[in-house]
Amino acid sequence: MKSWNYFSKFFGQYYSLFIAFVAHSVFFTICVSAAWTSPVLAKLSETEDNPLGRPLDPEESDLIGSLFYVGASIGPVLCIFTVETFGRKKMLAVLSAITPISFAIVAFAEDVELYYFIRIALGLYSGAALSIEPVYVSEIAGPEEREFLMSCISMFNFGGILAAYAIGPFIPLFYFNNLIAVFCLVLVILLACGCPESPYYVMQTKGKEETRVLLKELRTGDIENELEDIEKTVKNLNKYSYFEIFKSTKHFKPFFLATMPLVLQQYCGITLIVTYNQLIFLQTNVSIPSHICSIIVVSLELSTSFIAPLLLKSKRFTQRSLLFLSFTGVGLSNLLLGLFFLYGKEVDVLNWLPLAGLIAFVIFYNCGLDPIPWITLGQVYPMNINTVGSSLSSSIYFISVFPVLYLFNKVDLSYLFLSSAVSCFVGIFYAGFIFKETVLKKEEKA
């Protein structure tokens, strides 16, 4: 009996929920890695609890913050062929092993160059894992539960950010990094031992009977129709290179529909806020300590992360309407923040605006802009270009944000928020006239 069978028997009808929970924890660790810079760079900019022995200069701070996304843009490209060979679950487990090793190393690091290296390594893991995880969960989940399980990603995103913000400022960096390493090690074990391979990969490598056995563990109802659809899809699979996606409208259209929401999500300002949250509040005159402001904002992000899953599950709102609402609210919040940093920083009576603006930002962001691009990535590509397409989309997603983060200490903060507002208004047009719903079964699109 395989190790995951024990987990299947233990969780019973909730086994697919357990798999989604473990797989989505990849998003948790990635967001911990991304948000790690907010409390850590604040400490490395001082002399206390600073293993470097000196404060970082602005250039070093910008590199530590942004090199993560350089690595993340390369990660999907490196794993594209190994995913087809070894399967999504195995690759997720192997990639996840990078995180405990990286955080254990950085716990003892005393040179800034080692920080650069670890940030690139964590970026490689994040980019590769994010190109695999949405597709893996969408293939594991049944058609009737796929949209709901995929929309729960927000909870793990903001849970990871909150963990970094709520723990990082209050304990020494050594213990903070080792605590993350231990959690990531547990995740590796659960992925490796508790989760099965995707039914599509099992069909490709072991055939119909093994796939039937797996589907019986994952589903509670009749599986024969789904089994036939998977078999038909796998038989029609062809391998494609990156360039072949652009050779026909048929392939380019899902690439555009998958990539555009991800790029707009990056340029809406969320990565700027996650990476430099505490440093942003240090540039204001708000009376609340900067690390407390960060915790308030992310606690609200986590507590409102259920909004999109519930609204989508209720069927009263579509992905399009939620995305439109989300872009509108986030765009207005960015505009408010940009105008504050441009004109209002010295006006004491406006000190409350940054905190209020960021609170409004995260509420509207959770209405749809956080989960829907990942739902789209997991479902919009036909099976025959799924691996290539999602890898390419993920690479573009990560490299697109590097300029914004690298310019944090070089460009006035007001211009960064105002440019994010412009991106959101582009997103409003995209949501209103271009975006397509992705609640289709993968088998119907293959």
Protein backbone atom coordinates (compact mmCIF):
# COMPACT_ATOMS: atom_id res chain seq x y z
CA MET A 1 0.00 0.00 0.00
CA LYS A 2 1.33 3.43 -0.94
CA SER A 3 1.85 6.01 1.79
CA TRP A 4 -0.89 8.31 0.48
CA ASN A 5 -3.44 5.48 0.81
CA TYR A 6 -3.17 5.75 4.61
CA PHE A 7 -4.00 9.45 4.40
CA SER A 8 -6.86 8.67 2.04
CA LYS A 9 -8.41 6.19 4.47
CA PHE A 10 -7.94 8.60 7.38
CA PHE A 11 -9.58 11.60 5.67
CA GLY A 12 -12.19 9.63 3.73
CA GLN A 13 -14.50 11.86 1.67
CA TYR A 14 -12.43 14.88 2.69
CA TYR A 15 -9.23 13.55 1.16
CA SER A 16 -9.28 15.89 -1.85
CA LEU A 17 -9.76 18.78 0.59
CA PHE A 18 -6.68 17.61 2.50
CA ILE A 19 -4.65 17.45 -0.73
CA ALA A 20 -5.76 20.97 -1.69
CA PHE A 21 -4.84 22.19 1.81
CA VAL A 22 -1.34 20.71 1.61
CA ALA A 23 -0.77 21.85 -1.98
CA HIS A 24 -2.07 25.37 -1.26
CA SER A 25 0.40 25.50 1.64
CA VAL A 26 2.96 25.95 -1.13
CA PHE A 27 1.39 29.40 -1.58
CA PHE A 28 1.77 29.92 2.17
CA THR A 29 5.52 29.24 2.08
CA ILE A 30 5.97 31.33 -1.06
CA CYS A 31 4.21 34.29 0.54
CA VAL A 32 6.26 33.85 3.71
CA SER A 33 9.34 34.02 1.49
CA ALA A 34 8.06 37.11 -0.33
CA ALA A 35 6.91 38.93 2.84
CA TRP A 36 10.03 37.88 4.76
CA THR A 37 11.74 41.02 3.46
CA SER A 38 9.33 43.39 5.22
CA PRO A 39 10.43 42.64 8.82
CA VAL A 40 13.91 41.42 7.88
CA LEU A 41 14.98 44.43 5.81
CA ALA A 42 13.80 46.71 8.60
CA LYS A 43 16.14 44.87 11.00
CA LEU A 44 19.02 44.69 8.53
CA SER A 45 18.77 48.46 8.08
CA GLU A 46 19.70 48.88 11.76
CA THR A 47 22.54 47.55 13.90
CA GLU A 48 20.58 45.55 16.51
CA ASP A 49 19.78 41.92 15.61
CA ASN A 50 21.76 42.33 12.41
CA PRO A 51 24.01 39.34 11.57
CA LEU A 52 25.75 41.39 8.87
CA GLY A 53 27.32 43.62 11.52
CA ARG A 54 26.38 46.80 9.64
CA PRO A 55 23.21 48.40 8.22
CA LEU A 56 22.31 47.61 4.62
CA ASP A 57 22.68 50.40 2.10
CA PRO A 58 19.65 51.18 -0.16
CA GLU A 59 21.10 49.32 -3.17
CA GLU A 60 21.61 46.13 -1.15
CA SER A 61 18.11 46.44 0.28
CA ASP A 62 16.62 46.80 -3.21
CA LEU A 63 18.54 43.75 -4.45
CA ILE A 64 17.43 41.54 -1.56
CA GLY A 65 13.85 42.63 -2.18
CA SER A 66 13.87 42.20 -5.95
CA LEU A 67 16.24 39.29 -6.73
CA PHE A 68 13.58 36.92 -5.45
CA TYR A 69 11.49 37.77 -8.52
CA VAL A 70 14.40 37.31 -10.91
CA GLY A 71 14.80 33.75 -9.64
CA ALA A 72 11.04 33.26 -9.76
CA SER A 73 10.91 34.21 -13.43
CA ILE A 74 13.51 31.55 -14.26
CA GLY A 75 12.02 28.75 -12.15
CA PRO A 76 9.10 27.80 -14.43
CA VAL A 77 11.37 27.53 -17.46
CA LEU A 78 13.76 25.16 -15.69
CA CYS A 79 11.07 22.73 -14.54
CA ILE A 80 8.97 22.47 -17.69
CA PHE A 81 10.40 19.21 -19.03
CA THR A 82 11.00 17.55 -15.65
CA VAL A 83 7.32 18.02 -14.76
CA GLU A 84 6.31 15.91 -17.74
CA THR A 85 8.84 13.25 -16.78
CA PHE A 86 8.38 13.02 -13.02
CA GLY A 87 4.85 14.35 -12.44
CA ARG A 88 3.48 17.41 -10.69
CA LYS A 89 3.34 16.02 -7.16
CA LYS A 90 6.91 14.73 -7.16
CA MET A 91 8.18 17.99 -8.59
CA LEU A 92 6.29 20.01 -5.97
CA ALA A 93 7.79 17.88 -3.21
CA VAL A 94 11.33 18.12 -4.62
CA LEU A 95 11.06 21.86 -5.19
CA SER A 96 9.64 22.41 -1.71
CA ALA A 97 12.81 20.90 -0.26
CA ILE A 98 14.61 24.08 -1.35
CA THR A 99 12.79 26.14 1.30
CA PRO A 100 13.90 24.43 4.54
CA ILE A 101 17.46 24.26 3.23
CA SER A 102 17.46 27.94 2.21
CA PHE A 103 16.02 29.27 5.46
CA ALA A 104 18.37 27.07 7.50
CA ILE A 105 21.33 28.52 5.58
CA VAL A 106 20.20 32.15 5.85
CA ALA A 107 19.76 31.69 9.61
CA PHE A 108 23.55 31.49 9.83
CA ALA A 109 24.39 33.89 6.98
CA GLU A 110 26.71 36.79 7.77
CA ASP A 111 27.44 38.02 4.23
CA VAL A 112 25.01 40.00 2.11
CA GLU A 113 26.04 38.00 -0.97
CA LEU A 114 24.65 34.85 0.67
CA TYR A 115 21.37 36.70 1.17
CA TYR A 116 21.34 37.42 -2.57
CA PHE A 117 21.93 33.76 -3.37
CA ILE A 118 19.20 32.53 -1.01
CA ARG A 119 16.69 35.04 -2.38
CA ILE A 120 17.36 33.81 -5.93
CA ALA A 121 17.05 30.16 -4.79
CA LEU A 122 13.74 30.87 -3.02
CA GLY A 123 12.59 32.67 -6.15
CA LEU A 124 13.46 29.67 -8.33
CA TYR A 125 11.36 27.49 -6.02
CA SER A 126 8.47 29.95 -5.95
CA GLY A 127 8.30 30.44 -9.70
CA ALA A 128 8.51 26.75 -10.49
CA ALA A 129 6.04 25.74 -7.76
CA LEU A 130 3.48 28.37 -8.75
CA SER A 131 3.49 27.17 -12.35
CA ILE A 132 2.74 23.62 -11.14
CA GLU A 133 0.47 23.96 -8.09
CA PRO A 134 -2.67 25.53 -9.64
CA VAL A 135 -2.68 22.92 -12.40
CA TYR A 136 -2.07 20.08 -9.93
CA VAL A 137 -4.98 21.11 -7.68
CA SER A 138 -7.32 21.71 -10.62
CA GLU A 139 -6.55 18.19 -11.86
CA ILE A 140 -6.96 16.61 -8.42
CA ALA A 141 -10.23 18.40 -7.63
CA GLY A 142 -13.53 17.18 -9.01
CA PRO A 143 -15.31 19.43 -11.55
CA GLU A 144 -17.98 20.46 -9.04
CA GLU A 145 -15.50 21.56 -6.36
CA ARG A 146 -12.68 22.87 -8.53
CA GLU A 147 -13.61 26.55 -8.57
CA PHE A 148 -14.18 26.70 -4.80
CA LEU A 149 -10.94 24.92 -3.91
CA MET A 150 -8.94 27.08 -6.30
CA SER A 151 -10.48 30.28 -4.93
CA CYS A 152 -9.24 29.38 -1.41
CA ILE A 153 -5.71 30.30 -2.46
CA SER A 154 -6.15 33.78 -0.94
CA MET A 155 -6.34 32.37 2.57
CA PHE A 156 -2.96 30.70 2.20
CA ASN A 157 -1.42 33.74 0.52
CA PHE A 158 -2.34 36.11 3.30
CA GLY A 159 -1.79 33.51 5.99
CA GLY A 160 1.85 33.34 4.88
CA ILE A 161 2.17 37.11 4.78
CA LEU A 162 0.61 37.47 8.23
CA ALA A 163 2.94 34.82 9.66
CA ALA A 164 5.96 36.78 8.40
CA TYR A 165 4.65 40.12 9.66
CA ALA A 166 3.36 38.87 13.03
CA ILE A 167 6.41 36.79 13.97
CA GLY A 168 9.38 38.41 12.19
CA PRO A 169 9.51 41.72 14.11
CA PHE A 170 9.27 40.08 17.54
CA ILE A 171 11.86 37.30 17.56
CA PRO A 172 15.57 37.25 16.60
CA LEU A 173 16.28 36.60 12.93
CA PHE A 174 18.04 33.33 13.77
CA TYR A 175 14.92 31.83 15.35
CA PHE A 176 12.60 33.36 12.76
CA ASN A 177 14.48 31.74 9.86
CA ASN A 178 14.73 28.37 11.61
CA LEU A 179 11.03 28.40 12.48
CA ILE A 180 10.19 28.85 8.80
CA ALA A 181 12.62 26.05 7.91
CA VAL A 182 10.88 23.61 10.27
CA PHE A 183 7.42 24.42 8.89
CA CYS A 184 8.65 24.00 5.31
CA LEU A 185 10.19 20.63 6.21
CA VAL A 186 6.81 19.41 7.50
CA LEU A 187 5.21 20.53 4.22
CA VAL A 188 7.77 18.55 2.21
CA ILE A 189 6.94 15.40 4.19
CA LEU A 190 3.17 15.85 3.74
CA LEU A 191 3.55 16.46 0.01
CA ALA A 192 5.84 13.49 -0.48
CA CYS A 193 3.93 11.00 1.68
CA GLY A 194 0.34 12.25 1.89
CA CYS A 195 -0.54 13.33 -1.65
CA PRO A 196 -0.98 11.24 -4.82
CA GLU A 197 -0.06 12.11 -8.35
CA SER A 198 -2.47 13.87 -10.69
CA PRO A 199 -4.99 11.50 -12.36
CA TYR A 200 -3.78 12.78 -15.73
CA TYR A 201 -0.17 11.86 -15.00
CA VAL A 202 -1.24 8.45 -13.64
CA MET A 203 -3.18 7.84 -16.86
CA GLN A 204 -0.11 8.81 -18.91
CA THR A 205 2.32 6.59 -17.01
CA LYS A 206 0.33 3.72 -15.48
CA GLY A 207 -2.83 3.42 -17.49
CA LYS A 208 -6.56 3.32 -16.99
CA GLU A 209 -6.88 0.83 -14.13
CA GLU A 210 -4.45 2.69 -11.86
CA THR A 211 -6.28 5.92 -12.67
CA ARG A 212 -9.60 4.30 -11.75
CA VAL A 213 -8.16 3.26 -8.37
CA LEU A 214 -6.97 6.82 -7.72
CA LEU A 215 -10.27 8.42 -8.75
CA LYS A 216 -12.16 6.11 -6.38
CA GLU A 217 -10.05 7.55 -3.55
CA LEU A 218 -10.63 11.14 -4.69
CA ARG A 219 -14.35 11.05 -5.63
CA THR A 220 -17.52 9.99 -3.86
CA GLY A 221 -19.79 9.53 -6.88
CA ASP A 222 -19.57 7.82 -10.25
CA ILE A 223 -16.14 8.16 -11.85
CA GLU A 224 -16.53 6.39 -15.19
CA ASN A 225 -17.42 9.47 -17.24
CA GLU A 226 -14.49 11.42 -15.80
CA LEU A 227 -12.20 8.43 -16.32
CA GLU A 228 -13.16 8.24 -19.99
CA ASP A 229 -12.63 11.98 -20.42
CA ILE A 230 -9.17 11.76 -18.86
CA GLU A 231 -8.23 8.82 -21.07
CA LYS A 232 -9.42 10.65 -24.18
CA THR A 233 -7.53 13.81 -23.20
CA VAL A 234 -4.29 11.98 -22.50
CA LYS A 235 -4.43 10.13 -25.83
CA ASN A 236 -4.66 13.45 -27.65
CA LEU A 237 -1.75 15.05 -25.78
CA ASN A 238 1.09 16.51 -27.80
CA LYS A 239 4.23 18.18 -26.51
CA TYR A 240 4.69 21.81 -27.43
CA SER A 241 7.59 24.22 -27.17
CA TYR A 242 7.24 27.79 -25.97
CA PHE A 243 7.35 29.12 -29.52
CA GLU A 244 4.57 26.85 -30.77
CA ILE A 245 2.10 28.60 -28.45
CA PHE A 246 2.41 31.69 -30.65
CA LYS A 247 2.00 29.88 -33.96
CA SER A 248 -1.80 29.89 -33.94
CA THR A 249 -4.63 31.91 -32.45
CA LYS A 250 -5.96 28.72 -30.90
CA HIS A 251 -2.88 28.47 -28.65
CA PHE A 252 -2.15 32.17 -28.20
CA LYS A 253 -5.64 32.99 -26.94
CA PRO A 254 -5.43 30.89 -23.72
CA PHE A 255 -1.88 32.20 -23.20
CA PHE A 256 -3.15 35.78 -23.30
CA LEU A 257 -6.18 35.00 -21.08
CA ALA A 258 -3.96 33.27 -18.50
CA THR A 259 -1.09 35.76 -18.49
CA MET A 260 -2.85 39.12 -18.60
CA PRO A 261 -4.66 38.78 -15.23
CA LEU A 262 -1.40 37.69 -13.58
CA VAL A 263 0.55 40.67 -14.93
CA LEU A 264 -2.23 43.07 -13.95
CA GLN A 265 -2.28 41.50 -10.49
CA GLN A 266 1.44 42.16 -10.10
CA TYR A 267 1.21 45.76 -11.28
CA CYS A 268 -1.80 46.55 -9.06
CA GLY A 269 0.68 47.19 -6.23
CA ILE A 270 0.21 44.09 -4.08
CA THR A 271 3.80 42.87 -4.40
CA LEU A 272 5.10 46.35 -3.56
CA ILE A 273 2.97 46.35 -0.40
CA VAL A 274 3.86 42.78 0.61
CA THR A 275 7.60 43.23 0.10
CA TYR A 276 8.03 46.67 1.65
CA ASN A 277 4.98 47.03 3.92
CA GLN A 278 6.88 48.00 7.06
CA LEU A 279 9.22 50.30 5.15
CA ILE A 280 6.21 52.04 3.55
CA PHE A 281 4.74 52.84 6.97
CA LEU A 282 8.14 54.13 8.11
CA GLN A 283 7.76 56.86 5.46
CA THR A 284 4.54 58.13 7.09
CA ASN A 285 3.83 60.05 10.28
CA VAL A 286 1.22 57.59 11.52
CA SER A 287 1.34 57.30 15.32
CA ILE A 288 1.02 53.48 15.33
CA PRO A 289 4.38 51.62 15.07
CA SER A 290 5.12 50.48 11.52
CA HIS A 291 5.24 46.77 12.35
CA ILE A 292 1.86 47.00 14.11
CA CYS A 293 0.38 48.76 11.05
CA SER A 294 1.69 45.92 8.90
CA ILE A 295 0.07 43.32 11.14
CA ILE A 296 -3.25 45.21 11.10
CA VAL A 297 -3.28 45.35 7.30
CA VAL A 298 -2.38 41.69 6.78
CA SER A 299 -4.73 40.48 9.54
CA LEU A 300 -7.50 42.18 7.61
CA GLU A 301 -6.22 40.58 4.39
CA LEU A 302 -6.46 37.15 5.99
CA SER A 303 -9.82 37.75 7.68
CA THR A 304 -11.39 38.89 4.39
CA SER A 305 -9.76 36.24 2.19
CA PHE A 306 -12.96 34.15 2.34
CA ILE A 307 -14.92 36.81 0.41
CA ALA A 308 -14.19 35.61 -3.13
CA PRO A 309 -14.67 31.86 -2.41
CA LEU A 310 -18.04 32.48 -0.74
CA LEU A 311 -19.27 34.86 -3.42
CA LEU A 312 -18.26 32.49 -6.20
CA LYS A 313 -19.80 29.51 -4.41
CA SER A 314 -23.07 31.42 -3.94
CA LYS A 315 -23.30 31.87 -7.75
CA ARG A 316 -24.57 35.43 -7.20
CA PHE A 317 -21.35 36.86 -8.65
CA THR A 318 -19.28 35.80 -11.61
CA GLN A 319 -15.50 35.88 -11.88
CA ARG A 320 -15.85 38.79 -14.30
CA SER A 321 -17.99 40.93 -11.96
CA LEU A 322 -15.71 40.28 -8.99
CA LEU A 323 -12.61 41.09 -11.01
CA PHE A 324 -14.19 44.33 -12.23
CA LEU A 325 -15.13 45.34 -8.66
CA SER A 326 -11.69 44.40 -7.38
CA PHE A 327 -9.77 46.41 -10.00
CA THR A 328 -11.99 49.43 -9.38
CA GLY A 329 -11.55 49.43 -5.60
CA VAL A 330 -7.81 48.70 -5.70
CA GLY A 331 -7.29 51.38 -8.37
CA LEU A 332 -9.02 54.04 -6.25
CA SER A 333 -7.02 52.95 -3.18
CA ASN A 334 -3.76 53.27 -5.13
CA LEU A 335 -4.81 56.71 -6.34
CA LEU A 336 -5.54 57.79 -2.75
CA LEU A 337 -2.17 56.49 -1.53
CA GLY A 338 -0.29 58.06 -4.44
CA LEU A 339 -1.84 61.47 -3.82
CA PHE A 340 -1.09 61.20 -0.09
CA PHE A 341 2.62 60.50 -0.62
CA LEU A 342 2.76 63.21 -3.28
CA TYR A 343 0.96 66.01 -1.42
CA GLY A 344 -0.17 64.97 2.06
CA LYS A 345 2.79 63.50 3.96
CA GLU A 346 3.43 66.72 5.88
CA VAL A 347 -0.23 67.34 6.76
CA ASP A 348 -0.72 65.91 10.26
CA VAL A 349 -4.49 65.70 9.96
CA LEU A 350 -4.06 63.21 7.07
CA ASN A 351 -1.83 60.78 8.98
CA TRP A 352 -4.63 58.20 9.02
CA LEU A 353 -4.83 58.00 5.20
CA PRO A 354 -2.02 55.44 4.55
CA LEU A 355 -3.50 52.90 6.95
CA ALA A 356 -7.05 53.52 5.72
CA GLY A 357 -5.91 53.36 2.09
CA LEU A 358 -4.12 50.05 2.57
CA ILE A 359 -7.10 48.59 4.45
CA ALA A 360 -9.39 49.52 1.54
CA PHE A 361 -6.78 48.12 -0.87
CA VAL A 362 -6.72 44.67 0.73
CA ILE A 363 -10.51 44.37 1.07
CA PHE A 364 -11.07 45.11 -2.61
CA TYR A 365 -8.06 42.99 -3.58
CA ASN A 366 -9.60 40.00 -1.82
CA CYS A 367 -12.88 40.46 -3.69
CA GLY A 368 -11.36 38.82 -6.74
CA LEU A 369 -7.96 40.09 -7.83
CA ASP A 370 -6.07 37.62 -5.64
CA PRO A 371 -7.65 34.23 -6.47
CA ILE A 372 -9.17 34.69 -9.92
CA PRO A 373 -5.88 34.99 -11.91
CA TRP A 374 -4.79 31.68 -10.35
CA ILE A 375 -8.14 30.05 -11.10
CA THR A 376 -7.66 31.19 -14.68
CA LEU A 377 -4.12 29.83 -14.87
CA GLY A 378 -5.21 26.45 -13.53
CA GLN A 379 -8.15 26.06 -15.91
CA VAL A 380 -7.80 28.10 -19.10
CA TYR A 381 -5.04 26.12 -20.85
CA PRO A 382 -5.99 23.01 -22.83
CA MET A 383 -4.26 19.92 -21.47
CA ASN A 384 -1.92 19.62 -24.45
CA ILE A 385 -0.22 22.97 -23.70
CA ASN A 386 -0.89 23.11 -19.96
CA THR A 387 2.68 22.64 -18.76
CA VAL A 388 4.29 24.88 -21.36
CA GLY A 389 1.63 27.56 -21.10
CA SER A 390 1.43 27.80 -17.31
CA SER A 391 5.24 27.85 -17.06
CA LEU A 392 5.51 30.70 -19.55
CA SER A 393 2.70 32.66 -17.87
CA SER A 394 4.34 32.23 -14.47
CA SER A 395 7.71 33.42 -15.79
CA ILE A 396 6.17 36.58 -17.20
CA TYR A 397 4.20 37.08 -13.98
CA PHE A 398 7.33 37.16 -11.84
CA ILE A 399 9.70 39.11 -14.07
CA SER A 400 7.08 41.81 -14.58
CA VAL A 401 7.33 42.99 -10.98
CA PHE A 402 11.15 43.18 -10.74
CA PRO A 403 11.41 46.79 -12.01
CA VAL A 404 8.88 48.06 -9.46
CA LEU A 405 10.65 46.46 -6.50
CA TYR A 406 14.12 47.40 -7.67
CA LEU A 407 13.04 51.04 -7.99
CA PHE A 408 11.58 51.25 -4.46
CA ASN A 409 14.44 53.34 -3.05
CA LYS A 410 15.11 55.12 -6.35
CA VAL A 411 11.68 56.53 -7.25
CA ASP A 412 9.31 58.53 -5.06
CA LEU A 413 6.74 56.22 -3.49
CA SER A 414 3.89 58.37 -4.76
CA TYR A 415 4.79 57.58 -8.38
CA LEU A 416 4.86 53.84 -7.67
CA PHE A 417 1.33 53.96 -6.25
CA LEU A 418 0.07 56.19 -9.05
CA SER A 419 1.49 53.85 -11.68
CA SER A 420 -0.25 50.97 -9.89
CA ALA A 421 -3.51 52.94 -10.12
CA VAL A 422 -3.05 53.27 -13.89
CA SER A 423 -2.52 49.50 -14.15
CA CYS A 424 -5.76 48.92 -12.24
CA PHE A 425 -7.69 51.15 -14.61
CA VAL A 426 -6.30 49.08 -17.48
CA GLY A 427 -7.53 46.06 -15.54
CA ILE A 428 -11.03 47.55 -15.36
CA PHE A 429 -11.10 47.67 -19.17
CA TYR A 430 -9.73 44.11 -19.36
CA ALA A 431 -12.32 42.75 -16.90
CA GLY A 432 -15.15 44.53 -18.66
CA PHE A 433 -14.38 43.67 -22.28
CA ILE A 434 -11.79 40.88 -22.58
CA PHE A 435 -11.80 38.56 -19.56
CA LYS A 436 -13.45 35.16 -20.05
CA GLU A 437 -14.99 32.95 -17.37
CA THR A 438 -12.97 29.78 -16.70
CA VAL A 439 -15.44 27.53 -14.91
CA LEU A 440 -15.12 24.97 -17.69
CA LYS A 441 -14.11 21.39 -17.11
CA LYS A 442 -10.57 20.79 -18.25
CA GLU A 443 -11.77 17.77 -20.20
CA GLU A 444 -14.12 19.95 -22.26
CA LYS A 445 -11.29 22.24 -23.34
CA ALA A 446 -8.70 19.67 -24.24
